[in-house]
């Protein structure tokens, strides 16, 4: 939400290239993605946010105990100013046995409901390895729908490899 003490995230995008000075305001940014296949990418986003003077939050900051659940995630998103979504070839683990939406999409919906600004990065299909791609038809279909939704609701960037200017 943009208010008297917040600035639109688009005014900060130029900082990614080092074109601007670090901000006077520190933002807390929730970084969301599937886990195993995008560890390096989440780390690259978190490193860039730290370099820019902002505070990254995400699953790496959660403890490994049973409170890793939804309550901790929502409490963390509640204190964030922005939400960064990184998507590649996996839809993610189902939220529950009854609710088959992925944890990542559930986090996304919650962030939208809270009015957080969203920056979405979707990996170009040509740069997703077979090992990092869902092969279950239901997950493949869910991922396609999720990506279509992201592309409809937000400006998003396609990216290829970490370290080649994508963050």
Foldseek 3Di string as FASTA:
>chain_A
DDDPPDDPCVVVPVCLVVPDAQDPDAFEEEEFEAPDVCPVVSVLVQVSSVVSVYHYDYLVPDDPDPVSADVVLLVSLLRGQAYEYEYEAWQAQANDPVGRRHPRVVSVVSNVVSVHHYEYEYEDNVQADPVRHDDPVVGRVSSVVVVVVDVVPDDYHYDHDPPPSPD
